[in-house]
Amino acid sequence: MSGRMAWNAQAYEREGESPILRDDPIMSDYEREVFGLLVRRGDVEGIQFRVAHCIGLALDAIGGVDTPLGRELHRLSGDFGNAQTMEQLNAPLIALKDYLKDIQ
Protein backbone atom coordinates (compact mmCIF):
# COMPACT_ATOMS: atom_id res chain seq x y z
CA MET A 1 0.00 0.00 0.00
CA SER A 2 1.30 3.44 -0.84
CA GLY A 3 1.10 6.22 1.73
CA ARG A 4 0.80 9.08 -0.73
CA MET A 5 -1.45 11.96 0.23
CA ALA A 6 -4.62 13.22 -1.48
CA TRP A 7 -2.83 15.67 -3.75
CA ASN A 8 -1.23 12.64 -5.41
CA ALA A 9 -4.68 11.30 -6.24
CA GLN A 10 -5.15 8.13 -4.36
CA ALA A 11 -8.17 5.88 -4.25
CA TYR A 12 -8.36 2.72 -2.22
CA GLU A 13 -10.43 -0.15 -3.48
CA ARG A 14 -11.03 -3.53 -1.95
CA GLU A 15 -10.40 -6.67 -3.91
CA GLY A 16 -11.52 -9.46 -1.65
CA GLU A 17 -10.23 -8.33 1.73
CA SER A 18 -6.96 -6.78 0.59
CA PRO A 19 -6.74 -2.99 0.12
CA ILE A 20 -4.97 -1.93 -3.06
CA LEU A 21 -3.96 1.47 -4.30
CA ARG A 22 -5.25 2.61 -7.66
CA ASP A 23 -3.16 5.49 -8.98
CA ASP A 24 -4.78 7.23 -11.94
CA PRO A 25 -2.21 9.45 -13.74
CA ILE A 26 -4.90 11.73 -15.19
CA MET A 27 -6.47 12.35 -11.79
CA SER A 28 -3.02 12.73 -10.27
CA ASP A 29 -2.26 15.82 -12.39
CA TYR A 30 -5.73 17.24 -11.70
CA GLU A 31 -5.44 16.71 -7.96
CA ARG A 32 -2.00 18.29 -7.84
CA GLU A 33 -3.35 21.36 -9.66
CA VAL A 34 -6.35 21.65 -7.35
CA PHE A 35 -4.22 21.23 -4.25
CA GLY A 36 -1.68 23.75 -5.57
CA LEU A 37 -4.48 26.24 -6.11
CA LEU A 38 -5.73 25.75 -2.55
CA VAL A 39 -2.21 26.30 -1.21
CA ARG A 40 -1.68 29.44 -3.30
CA ARG A 41 -4.99 30.82 -2.05
CA GLY A 42 -4.17 29.91 1.55
CA ASP A 43 -7.45 27.99 1.76
CA VAL A 44 -6.88 26.11 5.01
CA GLU A 45 -10.39 24.65 5.10
CA GLY A 46 -10.16 23.47 1.49
CA ILE A 47 -6.82 21.80 2.16
CA GLN A 48 -8.16 20.17 5.32
CA PHE A 49 -11.22 18.91 3.42
CA ARG A 50 -9.09 17.30 0.69
CA VAL A 51 -6.66 15.77 3.18
CA ALA A 52 -9.56 14.51 5.35
CA HIS A 53 -10.93 12.68 2.30
CA CYS A 54 -7.54 11.05 1.79
CA ILE A 55 -7.30 10.13 5.47
CA GLY A 56 -10.73 8.54 5.28
CA LEU A 57 -9.59 6.37 2.38
CA ALA A 58 -6.42 5.44 4.22
CA LEU A 59 -8.37 4.60 7.39
CA ASP A 60 -10.66 2.32 5.39
CA ALA A 61 -7.63 0.61 3.86
CA ILE A 62 -6.01 -0.10 7.24
CA GLY A 63 -9.16 -1.30 8.98
CA GLY A 64 -10.55 1.86 10.55
CA VAL A 65 -9.94 3.77 13.77
CA ASP A 66 -10.30 0.64 15.90
CA THR A 67 -6.92 -0.68 14.78
CA PRO A 68 -3.60 0.49 16.26
CA LEU A 69 -2.56 2.02 12.92
CA GLY A 70 -5.96 3.64 12.55
CA ARG A 71 -5.93 5.17 16.01
CA GLU A 72 -2.57 6.83 15.37
CA LEU A 73 -3.63 8.06 11.93
CA HIS A 74 -6.84 9.45 13.42
CA ARG A 75 -4.86 11.22 16.15
CA LEU A 76 -2.48 12.76 13.63
CA SER A 77 -5.36 13.84 11.39
CA GLY A 78 -6.97 15.56 14.39
CA ASP A 79 -3.84 17.65 14.88
CA PHE A 80 -3.99 18.59 11.20
CA GLY A 81 -7.71 19.39 11.38
CA ASN A 82 -7.18 21.74 14.32
CA ALA A 83 -4.83 24.04 12.38
CA GLN A 84 -6.27 27.46 11.58
CA THR A 85 -3.49 29.00 9.50
CA MET A 86 -1.22 27.82 6.70
CA GLU A 87 1.75 27.96 9.06
CA GLN A 88 -0.05 25.74 11.57
CA LEU A 89 -0.62 23.12 8.84
CA ASN A 90 3.09 22.47 8.26
CA ALA A 91 4.09 20.32 11.24
CA PRO A 92 0.93 18.15 11.31
CA LEU A 93 1.10 17.68 7.53
CA ILE A 94 4.70 16.50 7.74
CA ALA A 95 3.75 14.13 10.57
CA LEU A 96 0.87 12.72 8.49
CA LYS A 97 3.07 12.31 5.42
CA ASP A 98 5.82 10.59 7.39
CA TYR A 99 3.35 8.29 9.13
CA LEU A 100 1.71 7.26 5.87
CA LYS A 101 5.13 6.51 4.41
CA ASP A 102 6.03 4.45 7.48
CA ILE A 103 2.91 2.28 7.34
CA GLN A 104 2.92 1.63 3.61
PDB file of N, CA and C in Angstrom:
ATOM      1  N   MET A   1       0.857  -1.172   0.000  1.00  0.00           N
ATOM      2  CA  MET A   1       0.000   0.000   0.000  1.00  0.00           C
ATOM      3  C   MET A   1       0.896   1.226   0.000  1.00  0.00           C
ATOM      4  N   SER A   2       0.531   2.210  -0.793  1.00  0.00           N
ATOM      5  CA  SER A   2       1.301   3.444  -0.844  1.00  0.00           C
ATOM      6  C   SER A   2       0.708   4.443   0.132  1.00  0.00           C
ATOM      7  N   GLY A   3       1.557   5.241   0.757  1.00  0.00           N
ATOM      8  CA  GLY A   3       1.103   6.218   1.729  1.00  0.00           C
ATOM      9  C   GLY A   3       1.033   7.614   1.150  1.00  0.00           C
ATOM     10  N   ARG A   4       0.816   7.753  -0.137  1.00  0.00           N
ATOM     11  CA  ARG A   4       0.798   9.081  -0.729  1.00  0.00           C
ATOM     12  C   ARG A   4      -0.470   9.817  -0.354  1.00  0.00           C
ATOM     13  N   MET A   5      -0.348  11.127  -0.231  1.00  0.00           N
ATOM     14  CA  MET A   5      -1.451  11.962   0.230  1.00  0.00           C
ATOM     15  C   MET A   5      -2.420  12.281  -0.897  1.00  0.00           C
ATOM     16  N   ALA A   6      -3.523  12.944  -0.547  1.00  0.00           N
ATOM     17  CA  ALA A   6      -4.615  13.216  -1.483  1.00  0.00           C
ATOM     18  C   ALA A   6      -4.165  13.963  -2.718  1.00  0.00           C
ATOM     19  N   TRP A   7      -3.229  14.886  -2.595  1.00  0.00           N
ATOM     20  CA  TRP A   7      -2.831  15.671  -3.753  1.00  0.00           C
ATOM     21  C   TRP A   7      -2.092  14.817  -4.768  1.00  0.00           C
ATOM     22  N   ASN A   8      -1.801  13.563  -4.454  1.00  0.00           N
ATOM     23  CA  ASN A   8      -1.227  12.641  -5.414  1.00  0.00           C
ATOM     24  C   ASN A   8      -2.285  11.683  -5.930  1.00  0.00           C
ATOM     25  N   ALA A   9      -3.522  12.034  -5.722  1.00  0.00           N
ATOM     26  CA  ALA A   9      -4.680  11.303  -6.236  1.00  0.00           C
ATOM     27  C   ALA A   9      -4.653   9.832  -5.875  1.00  0.00           C
ATOM     28  N   GLN A  10      -5.096   9.528  -4.724  1.00  0.00           N
ATOM     29  CA  GLN A  10      -5.155   8.132  -4.363  1.00  0.00           C
ATOM     30  C   GLN A  10      -6.596   7.707  -4.198  1.00  0.00           C
ATOM     31  N   ALA A  11      -6.852   6.461  -4.478  1.00  0.00           N
ATOM     32  CA  ALA A  11      -8.169   5.880  -4.247  1.00  0.00           C
ATOM     33  C   ALA A  11      -7.957   4.439  -3.830  1.00  0.00           C
ATOM     34  N   TYR A  12      -8.483   4.075  -2.693  1.00  0.00           N
ATOM     35  CA  TYR A  12      -8.359   2.718  -2.222  1.00  0.00           C
ATOM     36  C   TYR A  12      -9.585   1.939  -2.631  1.00  0.00           C
ATOM     37  N   GLU A  13      -9.355   0.754  -3.125  1.00  0.00           N
ATOM     38  CA  GLU A  13     -10.434  -0.151  -3.485  1.00  0.00           C
ATOM     39  C   GLU A  13     -10.173  -1.460  -2.763  1.00  0.00           C
ATOM     40  N   ARG A  14     -11.202  -2.224  -2.582  1.00  0.00           N
ATOM     41  CA  ARG A  14     -11.029  -3.532  -1.949  1.00  0.00           C
ATOM     42  C   ARG A  14     -11.241  -4.610  -3.013  1.00  0.00           C
ATOM     43  N   GLU A  15     -10.304  -5.507  -3.049  1.00  0.00           N
ATOM     44  CA  GLU A  15     -10.400  -6.674  -3.912  1.00  0.00           C
ATOM     45  C   GLU A  15     -10.331  -7.857  -2.977  1.00  0.00           C
ATOM     46  N   GLY A  16     -11.463  -8.483  -2.717  1.00  0.00           N
ATOM     47  CA  GLY A  16     -11.518  -9.464  -1.652  1.00  0.00           C
ATOM     48  C   GLY A  16     -11.412  -8.721  -0.340  1.00  0.00           C
ATOM     49  N   GLU A  17     -10.439  -9.027   0.464  1.00  0.00           N
ATOM     50  CA  GLU A  17     -10.230  -8.334   1.730  1.00  0.00           C
ATOM     51  C   GLU A  17      -8.978  -7.476   1.717  1.00  0.00           C
ATOM     52  N   SER A  18      -8.241  -7.458   0.629  1.00  0.00           N
ATOM     53  CA  SER A  18      -6.955  -6.781   0.592  1.00  0.00           C
ATOM     54  C   SER A  18      -7.068  -5.394  -0.026  1.00  0.00           C
ATOM     55  N   PRO A  19      -6.697  -4.328   0.717  1.00  0.00           N
ATOM     56  CA  PRO A  19      -6.743  -2.985   0.119  1.00  0.00           C
ATOM     57  C   PRO A  19      -5.631  -2.818  -0.908  1.00  0.00           C
ATOM     58  N   ILE A  20      -5.969  -2.220  -2.036  1.00  0.00           N
ATOM     59  CA  ILE A  20      -4.974  -1.932  -3.056  1.00  0.00           C
ATOM     60  C   ILE A  20      -5.064  -0.464  -3.420  1.00  0.00           C
ATOM     61  N   LEU A  21      -3.981   0.070  -3.898  1.00  0.00           N
ATOM     62  CA  LEU A  21      -3.955   1.474  -4.296  1.00  0.00           C
ATOM     63  C   LEU A  21      -4.125   1.557  -5.801  1.00  0.00           C
ATOM     64  N   ARG A  22      -5.074   2.357  -6.245  1.00  0.00           N
ATOM     65  CA  ARG A  22      -5.253   2.608  -7.663  1.00  0.00           C
ATOM     66  C   ARG A  22      -4.779   4.021  -7.921  1.00  0.00           C
ATOM     67  N   ASP A  23      -3.746   4.185  -8.711  1.00  0.00           N
ATOM     68  CA  ASP A  23      -3.163   5.490  -8.975  1.00  0.00           C
ATOM     69  C   ASP A  23      -3.473   5.860 -10.413  1.00  0.00           C
ATOM     70  N   ASP A  24      -4.352   6.803 -10.617  1.00  0.00           N
ATOM     71  CA  ASP A  24      -4.779   7.230 -11.943  1.00  0.00           C
ATOM     72  C   ASP A  24      -3.967   8.451 -12.347  1.00  0.00           C
ATOM     73  N   PRO A  25      -3.077   8.323 -13.364  1.00  0.00           N
ATOM     74  CA  PRO A  25      -2.211   9.451 -13.737  1.00  0.00           C
ATOM     75  C   PRO A  25      -2.982  10.702 -14.152  1.00  0.00           C
ATOM     76  N   ILE A  26      -4.113  10.552 -14.780  1.00  0.00           N
ATOM     77  CA  ILE A  26      -4.895  11.727 -15.189  1.00  0.00           C
ATOM     78  C   ILE A  26      -5.415  12.459 -13.961  1.00  0.00           C
ATOM     79  N   MET A  27      -5.978  11.729 -13.016  1.00  0.00           N
ATOM     80  CA  MET A  27      -6.468  12.346 -11.787  1.00  0.00           C
ATOM     81  C   MET A  27      -5.314  12.901 -10.967  1.00  0.00           C
ATOM     82  N   SER A  28      -4.173  12.270 -11.034  1.00  0.00           N
ATOM     83  CA  SER A  28      -3.023  12.734 -10.274  1.00  0.00           C
ATOM     84  C   SER A  28      -2.664  14.170 -10.651  1.00  0.00           C
ATOM     85  N   ASP A  29      -2.568  14.456 -11.938  1.00  0.00           N
ATOM     86  CA  ASP A  29      -2.262  15.818 -12.386  1.00  0.00           C
ATOM     87  C   ASP A  29      -3.347  16.787 -11.951  1.00  0.00           C
ATOM     88  N   TYR A  30      -4.612  16.384 -12.093  1.00  0.00           N
ATOM     89  CA  TYR A  30      -5.731  17.235 -11.703  1.00  0.00           C
ATOM     90  C   TYR A  30      -5.673  17.548 -10.208  1.00  0.00           C
ATOM     91  N   GLU A  31      -5.476  16.519  -9.400  1.00  0.00           N
ATOM     92  CA  GLU A  31      -5.444  16.709  -7.956  1.00  0.00           C
ATOM     93  C   GLU A  31      -4.287  17.611  -7.538  1.00  0.00           C
ATOM     94  N   ARG A  32      -3.141  17.439  -8.165  1.00  0.00           N
ATOM     95  CA  ARG A  32      -2.000  18.294  -7.844  1.00  0.00           C
ATOM     96  C   ARG A  32      -2.329  19.749  -8.156  1.00  0.00           C
ATOM     97  N   GLU A  33      -2.980  19.986  -9.289  1.00  0.00           N
ATOM     98  CA  GLU A  33      -3.346  21.356  -9.658  1.00  0.00           C
ATOM     99  C   GLU A  33      -4.348  21.949  -8.674  1.00  0.00           C
ATOM    100  N   VAL A  34      -5.343  21.177  -8.302  1.00  0.00           N
ATOM    101  CA  VAL A  34      -6.353  21.649  -7.353  1.00  0.00           C
ATOM    102  C   VAL A  34      -5.702  21.940  -6.006  1.00  0.00           C
ATOM    103  N   PHE A  35      -4.877  21.026  -5.534  1.00  0.00           N
ATOM    104  CA  PHE A  35      -4.223  21.232  -4.251  1.00  0.00           C
ATOM    105  C   PHE A  35      -3.297  22.441  -4.304  1.00  0.00           C
ATOM    106  N   GLY A  36      -2.562  22.586  -5.403  1.00  0.00           N
ATOM    107  CA  GLY A  36      -1.684  23.745  -5.567  1.00  0.00           C
ATOM    108  C   GLY A  36      -2.455  25.043  -5.521  1.00  0.00           C
ATOM    109  N   LEU A  37      -3.629  25.057  -6.135  1.00  0.00           N
ATOM    110  CA  LEU A  37      -4.482  26.245  -6.110  1.00  0.00           C
ATOM    111  C   LEU A  37      -4.931  26.553  -4.682  1.00  0.00           C
ATOM    112  N   LEU A  38      -5.318  25.543  -3.936  1.00  0.00           N
ATOM    113  CA  LEU A  38      -5.729  25.749  -2.549  1.00  0.00           C
ATOM    114  C   LEU A  38      -4.581  26.310  -1.717  1.00  0.00           C
ATOM    115  N   VAL A  39      -3.379  25.807  -1.945  1.00  0.00           N
ATOM    116  CA  VAL A  39      -2.212  26.297  -1.210  1.00  0.00           C
ATOM    117  C   VAL A  39      -1.925  27.746  -1.569  1.00  0.00           C
ATOM    118  N   ARG A  40      -1.945  28.053  -2.877  1.00  0.00           N
ATOM    119  CA  ARG A  40      -1.676  29.436  -3.301  1.00  0.00           C
ATOM    120  C   ARG A  40      -2.704  30.404  -2.735  1.00  0.00           C
ATOM    121  N   ARG A  41      -3.934  29.966  -2.604  1.00  0.00           N
ATOM    122  CA  ARG A  41      -4.989  30.818  -2.051  1.00  0.00           C
ATOM    123  C   ARG A  41      -4.943  30.876  -0.526  1.00  0.00           C
ATOM    124  N   GLY A  42      -4.196  29.974   0.084  1.00  0.00           N
ATOM    125  CA  GLY A  42      -4.168  29.913   1.547  1.00  0.00           C
ATOM    126  C   GLY A  42      -5.470  29.392   2.119  1.00  0.00           C
ATOM    127  N   ASP A  43      -6.150  28.530   1.373  1.00  0.00           N
ATOM    128  CA  ASP A  43      -7.453  27.995   1.756  1.00  0.00           C
ATOM    129  C   ASP A  43      -7.278  26.813   2.716  1.00  0.00           C
ATOM    130  N   VAL A  44      -7.122  27.127   3.994  1.00  0.00           N
ATOM    131  CA  VAL A  44      -6.881  26.109   5.012  1.00  0.00           C
ATOM    132  C   VAL A  44      -8.024  25.101   5.050  1.00  0.00           C
ATOM    133  N   GLU A  45      -9.251  25.562   5.040  1.00  0.00           N
ATOM    134  CA  GLU A  45     -10.393  24.651   5.103  1.00  0.00           C
ATOM    135  C   GLU A  45     -10.453  23.741   3.878  1.00  0.00           C
ATOM    136  N   GLY A  46     -10.167  24.280   2.709  1.00  0.00           N
ATOM    137  CA  GLY A  46     -10.158  23.473   1.494  1.00  0.00           C
ATOM    138  C   GLY A  46      -9.083  22.396   1.544  1.00  0.00           C
ATOM    139  N   ILE A  47      -7.917  22.763   2.026  1.00  0.00           N
ATOM    140  CA  ILE A  47      -6.824  21.802   2.163  1.00  0.00           C
ATOM    141  C   ILE A  47      -7.211  20.721   3.173  1.00  0.00           C
ATOM    142  N   GLN A  48      -7.760  21.138   4.294  1.00  0.00           N
ATOM    143  CA  GLN A  48      -8.163  20.174   5.318  1.00  0.00           C
ATOM    144  C   GLN A  48      -9.244  19.231   4.790  1.00  0.00           C
ATOM    145  N   PHE A  49     -10.163  19.744   3.996  1.00  0.00           N
ATOM    146  CA  PHE A  49     -11.215  18.913   3.416  1.00  0.00           C
ATOM    147  C   PHE A  49     -10.617  17.836   2.509  1.00  0.00           C
ATOM    148  N   ARG A  50      -9.715  18.248   1.629  1.00  0.00           N
ATOM    149  CA  ARG A  50      -9.090  17.296   0.694  1.00  0.00           C
ATOM    150  C   ARG A  50      -8.251  16.258   1.437  1.00  0.00           C
ATOM    151  N   VAL A  51      -7.490  16.701   2.418  1.00  0.00           N
ATOM    152  CA  VAL A  51      -6.664  15.765   3.180  1.00  0.00           C
ATOM    153  C   VAL A  51      -7.553  14.840   4.015  1.00  0.00           C
ATOM    154  N   ALA A  52      -8.638  15.349   4.568  1.00  0.00           N
ATOM    155  CA  ALA A  52      -9.561  14.514   5.346  1.00  0.00           C
ATOM    156  C   ALA A  52     -10.140  13.394   4.482  1.00  0.00           C
ATOM    157  N   HIS A  53     -10.428  13.707   3.226  1.00  0.00           N
ATOM    158  CA  HIS A  53     -10.934  12.679   2.305  1.00  0.00           C
ATOM    159  C   HIS A  53      -9.875  11.584   2.127  1.00  0.00           C
ATOM    160  N   CYS A  54      -8.647  11.989   1.941  1.00  0.00           N
ATOM    161  CA  CYS A  54      -7.539  11.049   1.793  1.00  0.00           C
ATOM    162  C   CYS A  54      -7.383  10.201   3.052  1.00  0.00           C
ATOM    163  N   ILE A  55      -7.445  10.846   4.197  1.00  0.00           N
ATOM    164  CA  ILE A  55      -7.297  10.134   5.469  1.00  0.00           C
ATOM    165  C   ILE A  55      -8.411   9.109   5.626  1.00  0.00           C
ATOM    166  N   GLY A  56      -9.610   9.482   5.227  1.00  0.00           N
ATOM    167  CA  GLY A  56     -10.728   8.538   5.282  1.00  0.00           C
ATOM    168  C   GLY A  56     -10.467   7.303   4.438  1.00  0.00           C
ATOM    169  N   LEU A  57      -9.928   7.496   3.251  1.00  0.00           N
ATOM    170  CA  LEU A  57      -9.589   6.367   2.383  1.00  0.00           C
ATOM    171  C   LEU A  57      -8.500   5.503   3.010  1.00  0.00           C
ATOM    172  N   ALA A  58      -7.508   6.175   3.580  1.00  0.00           N
ATOM    173  CA  ALA A  58      -6.417   5.442   4.221  1.00  0.00           C
ATOM    174  C   ALA A  58      -6.929   4.665   5.432  1.00  0.00           C
ATOM    175  N   LEU A  59      -7.800   5.284   6.224  1.00  0.00           N
ATOM    176  CA  LEU A  59      -8.370   4.597   7.387  1.00  0.00           C
ATOM    177  C   LEU A  59      -9.148   3.357   6.958  1.00  0.00           C
ATOM    178  N   ASP A  60      -9.930   3.481   5.903  1.00  0.00           N
ATOM    179  CA  ASP A  60     -10.658   2.322   5.385  1.00  0.00           C
ATOM    180  C   ASP A  60      -9.692   1.205   4.989  1.00  0.00           C
ATOM    181  N   ALA A  61      -8.598   1.592   4.349  1.00  0.00           N
ATOM    182  CA  ALA A  61      -7.633   0.613   3.861  1.00  0.00           C
ATOM    183  C   ALA A  61      -6.911  -0.115   4.991  1.00  0.00           C
ATOM    184  N   ILE A  62      -6.740   0.543   6.138  1.00  0.00           N
ATOM    185  CA  ILE A  62      -6.010  -0.102   7.240  1.00  0.00           C
ATOM    186  C   ILE A  62      -6.939  -0.653   8.315  1.00  0.00           C
ATOM    187  N   GLY A  63      -8.225  -0.652   8.052  1.00  0.00           N
ATOM    188  CA  GLY A  63      -9.157  -1.298   8.978  1.00  0.00           C
ATOM    189  C   GLY A  63      -9.892  -0.388   9.931  1.00  0.00           C
ATOM    190  N   GLY A  64      -9.787   0.926   9.742  1.00  0.00           N
ATOM    191  CA  GLY A  64     -10.551   1.862  10.548  1.00  0.00           C
ATOM    192  C   GLY A  64      -9.830   2.326  11.800  1.00  0.00           C
ATOM    193  N   VAL A  65     -10.538   3.150  12.584  1.00  0.00           N
ATOM    194  CA  VAL A  65      -9.939   3.768  13.773  1.00  0.00           C
ATOM    195  C   VAL A  65      -9.833   2.800  14.950  1.00  0.00           C
ATOM    196  N   ASP A  66     -10.378   1.606  14.814  1.00  0.00           N
ATOM    197  CA  ASP A  66     -10.303   0.640  15.903  1.00  0.00           C
ATOM    198  C   ASP A  66      -9.033  -0.201  15.860  1.00  0.00           C
ATOM    199  N   THR A  67      -8.189   0.033  14.862  1.00  0.00           N
ATOM    200  CA  THR A  67      -6.915  -0.678  14.775  1.00  0.00           C
ATOM    201  C   THR A  67      -5.812   0.225  15.334  1.00  0.00           C
ATOM    202  N   PRO A  68      -4.705  -0.354  15.762  1.00  0.00           N
ATOM    203  CA  PRO A  68      -3.604   0.493  16.258  1.00  0.00           C
ATOM    204  C   PRO A  68      -3.134   1.514  15.218  1.00  0.00           C
ATOM    205  N   LEU A  69      -2.972   1.086  13.965  1.00  0.00           N
ATOM    206  CA  LEU A  69      -2.559   2.020  12.916  1.00  0.00           C
ATOM    207  C   LEU A  69      -3.616   3.101  12.702  1.00  0.00           C
ATOM    208  N   GLY A  70      -4.865   2.700  12.750  1.00  0.00           N
ATOM    209  CA  GLY A  70      -5.962   3.644  12.551  1.00  0.00           C
ATOM    210  C   GLY A  70      -6.080   4.663  13.662  1.00  0.00           C
ATOM    211  N   ARG A  71      -5.871   4.227  14.887  1.00  0.00           N
ATOM    212  CA  ARG A  71      -5.934   5.167  16.008  1.00  0.00           C
ATOM    213  C   ARG A  71      -4.868   6.244  15.884  1.00  0.00           C
ATOM    214  N   GLU A  72      -3.652   5.849  15.509  1.00  0.00           N
ATOM    215  CA  GLU A  72      -2.575   6.831  15.366  1.00  0.00           C
ATOM    216  C   GLU A  72      -2.839   7.759  14.184  1.00  0.00           C
ATOM    217  N   LEU A  73      -3.309   7.222  13.086  1.00  0.00           N
ATOM    218  CA  LEU A  73      -3.630   8.058  11.929  1.00  0.00           C
ATOM    219  C   LEU A  73      -4.744   9.039  12.273  1.00  0.00           C
ATOM    220  N   HIS A  74      -5.736   8.573  13.000  1.00  0.00           N
ATOM    221  CA  HIS A  74      -6.838   9.447  13.421  1.00  0.00           C
ATOM    222  C   HIS A  74      -6.328  10.555  14.339  1.00  0.00           C
ATOM    223  N   ARG A  75      -5.429  10.224  15.257  1.00  0.00           N
ATOM    224  CA  ARG A  75      -4.858  11.224  16.152  1.00  0.00           C
ATOM    225  C   ARG A  75      -4.093  12.280  15.362  1.00  0.00           C
ATOM    226  N   LEU A  76      -3.256  11.827  14.438  1.00  0.00           N
ATOM    227  CA  LEU A  76      -2.478  12.760  13.626  1.00  0.00           C
ATOM    228  C   LEU A  76      -3.379  13.630  12.752  1.00  0.00           C
ATOM    229  N   SER A  77      -4.449  13.054  12.238  1.00  0.00           N
ATOM    230  CA  SER A  77      -5.358  13.844  11.394  1.00  0.00           C
ATOM    231  C   SER A  77      -6.104  14.878  12.230  1.00  0.00           C
ATOM    232  N   GLY A  78      -6.343  14.579  13.502  1.00  0.00           N
ATOM    233  CA  GLY A  78      -6.972  15.558  14.393  1.00  0.00           C
ATOM    234  C   GLY A  78      -6.091  16.776  14.594  1.00  0.00           C
ATOM    235  N   ASP A  79      -4.789  16.534  14.757  1.00  0.00           N
ATOM    236  CA  ASP A  79      -3.845  17.648  14.879  1.00  0.00           C
ATOM    237  C   ASP A  79      -3.883  18.513  13.624  1.00  0.00           C
ATOM    238  N   PHE A  80      -3.942  17.869  12.469  1.00  0.00           N
ATOM    239  CA  PHE A  80      -3.989  18.591  11.198  1.00  0.00           C
ATOM    240  C   PHE A  80      -5.300  19.373  11.077  1.00  0.00           C
ATOM    241  N   GLY A  81      -6.394  18.753  11.473  1.00  0.00           N
ATOM    242  CA  GLY A  81      -7.708  19.394  11.378  1.00  0.00           C
ATOM    243  C   GLY A  81      -7.886  20.574  12.314  1.00  0.00           C
ATOM    244  N   ASN A  82      -7.080  20.639  13.362  1.00  0.00           N
ATOM    245  CA  ASN A  82      -7.183  21.744  14.318  1.00  0.00           C
ATOM    246  C   ASN A  82      -6.427  22.994  13.880  1.00  0.00           C
ATOM    247  N   ALA A  83      -5.605  22.877  12.856  1.00  0.00           N
ATOM    248  CA  ALA A  83      -4.830  24.037  12.384  1.00  0.00           C
ATOM    249  C   ALA A  83      -5.769  25.091  11.814  1.00  0.00           C
ATOM    250  N   GLN A  84      -5.431  26.365  12.061  1.00  0.00           N
ATOM    251  CA  GLN A  84      -6.273  27.457  11.580  1.00  0.00           C
ATOM    252  C   GLN A  84      -5.563  28.365  10.585  1.00  0.00           C
ATOM    253  N   THR A  85      -4.257  28.190  10.455  1.00  0.00           N
ATOM    254  CA  THR A  85      -3.494  29.002   9.498  1.00  0.00           C
ATOM    255  C   THR A  85      -2.615  28.075   8.662  1.00  0.00           C
ATOM    256  N   MET A  86      -2.108  28.601   7.551  1.00  0.00           N
ATOM    257  CA  MET A  86      -1.221  27.821   6.696  1.00  0.00           C
ATOM    258  C   MET A  86       0.027  27.395   7.467  1.00  0.00           C
ATOM    259  N   GLU A  87       0.553  28.282   8.293  1.00  0.00           N
ATOM    260  CA  GLU A  87       1.751  27.960   9.065  1.00  0.00           C
ATOM    261  C   GLU A  87       1.493  26.823  10.042  1.00  0.00           C
ATOM    262  N   GLN A  88       0.296  26.786  10.615  1.00  0.00           N
ATOM    263  CA  GLN A  88      -0.048  25.738  11.569  1.00  0.00           C
ATOM    264  C   GLN A  88      -0.257  24.385  10.888  1.00  0.00           C
ATOM    265  N   LEU A  89      -0.435  24.373   9.571  1.00  0.00           N
ATOM    266  CA  LEU A  89      -0.620  23.120   8.840  1.00  0.00           C
ATOM    267  C   LEU A  89       0.693  22.361   8.658  1.00  0.00           C
ATOM    268  N   ASN A  90       1.812  23.075   8.639  1.00  0.00           N
ATOM    269  CA  ASN A  90       3.088  22.470   8.264  1.00  0.00           C
ATOM    270  C   ASN A  90       3.475  21.262   9.102  1.00  0.00           C
ATOM    271  N   ALA A  91       3.614  21.418  10.398  1.00  0.00           N
ATOM    272  CA  ALA A  91       4.088  20.316  11.243  1.00  0.00           C
ATOM    273  C   ALA A  91       3.139  19.112  11.209  1.00  0.00           C
ATOM    274  N   PRO A  92       1.821  19.310  11.372  1.00  0.00           N
ATOM    275  CA  PRO A  92       0.928  18.148  11.308  1.00  0.00           C
ATOM    276  C   PRO A  92       0.920  17.473   9.935  1.00  0.00           C
ATOM    277  N   LEU A  93       1.073  18.260   8.876  1.00  0.00           N
ATOM    278  CA  LEU A  93       1.099  17.684   7.532  1.00  0.00           C
ATOM    279  C   LEU A  93       2.342  16.817   7.342  1.00  0.00           C
ATOM    280  N   ILE A  94       3.466  17.285   7.827  1.00  0.00           N
ATOM    281  CA  ILE A  94       4.697  16.497   7.736  1.00  0.00           C
ATOM    282  C   ILE A  94       4.559  15.213   8.553  1.00  0.00           C
ATOM    283  N   ALA A  95       3.955  15.317   9.729  1.00  0.00           N
ATOM    284  CA  ALA A  95       3.746  14.132  10.566  1.00  0.00           C
ATOM    285  C   ALA A  95       2.839  13.122   9.866  1.00  0.00           C
ATOM    286  N   LEU A  96       1.767  13.605   9.233  1.00  0.00           N
ATOM    287  CA  LEU A  96       0.873  12.716   8.488  1.00  0.00           C
ATOM    288  C   LEU A  96       1.611  12.043   7.334  1.00  0.00           C
ATOM    289  N   LYS A  97       2.334  12.831   6.570  1.00  0.00           N
ATOM    290  CA  LYS A  97       3.065  12.308   5.418  1.00  0.00           C
ATOM    291  C   LYS A  97       4.057  11.252   5.858  1.00  0.00           C
ATOM    292  N   ASP A  98       4.824  11.546   6.897  1.00  0.00           N
ATOM    293  CA  ASP A  98       5.818  10.587   7.386  1.00  0.00           C
ATOM    294  C   ASP A  98       5.157   9.304   7.904  1.00  0.00           C
ATOM    295  N   TYR A  99       4.044   9.455   8.607  1.00  0.00           N
ATOM    296  CA  TYR A  99       3.353   8.286   9.133  1.00  0.00           C
ATOM    297  C   TYR A  99       2.826   7.410   8.004  1.00  0.00           C
ATOM    298  N   LEU A 100       2.231   8.038   7.003  1.00  0.00           N
ATOM    299  CA  LEU A 100       1.711   7.260   5.874  1.00  0.00           C
ATOM    300  C   LEU A 100       2.839   6.550   5.124  1.00  0.00           C
ATOM    301  N   LYS A 101       3.984   7.177   5.023  1.00  0.00           N
ATOM    302  CA  LYS A 101       5.135   6.513   4.410  1.00  0.00           C
ATOM    303  C   LYS A 101       5.569   5.321   5.258  1.00  0.00           C
ATOM    304  N   ASP A 102       5.589   5.517   6.573  1.00  0.00           N
ATOM    305  CA  ASP A 102       6.035   4.446   7.478  1.00  0.00           C
ATOM    306  C   ASP A 102       5.124   3.217   7.443  1.00  0.00           C
ATOM    307  N   ILE A 103       3.833   3.421   7.272  1.00  0.00           N
ATOM    308  CA  ILE A 103       2.908   2.283   7.336  1.00  0.00           C
ATOM    309  C   ILE A 103       2.612   1.658   5.976  1.00  0.00           C
ATOM    310  N   GLN A 104       3.210   2.194   4.942  1.00  0.00           N
ATOM    311  CA  GLN A 104       2.918   1.627   3.612  1.00  0.00           C
ATOM    312  C   GLN A 104       3.448   0.231   3.450  1.00  0.00           C
TER     313      GLN A 104
END
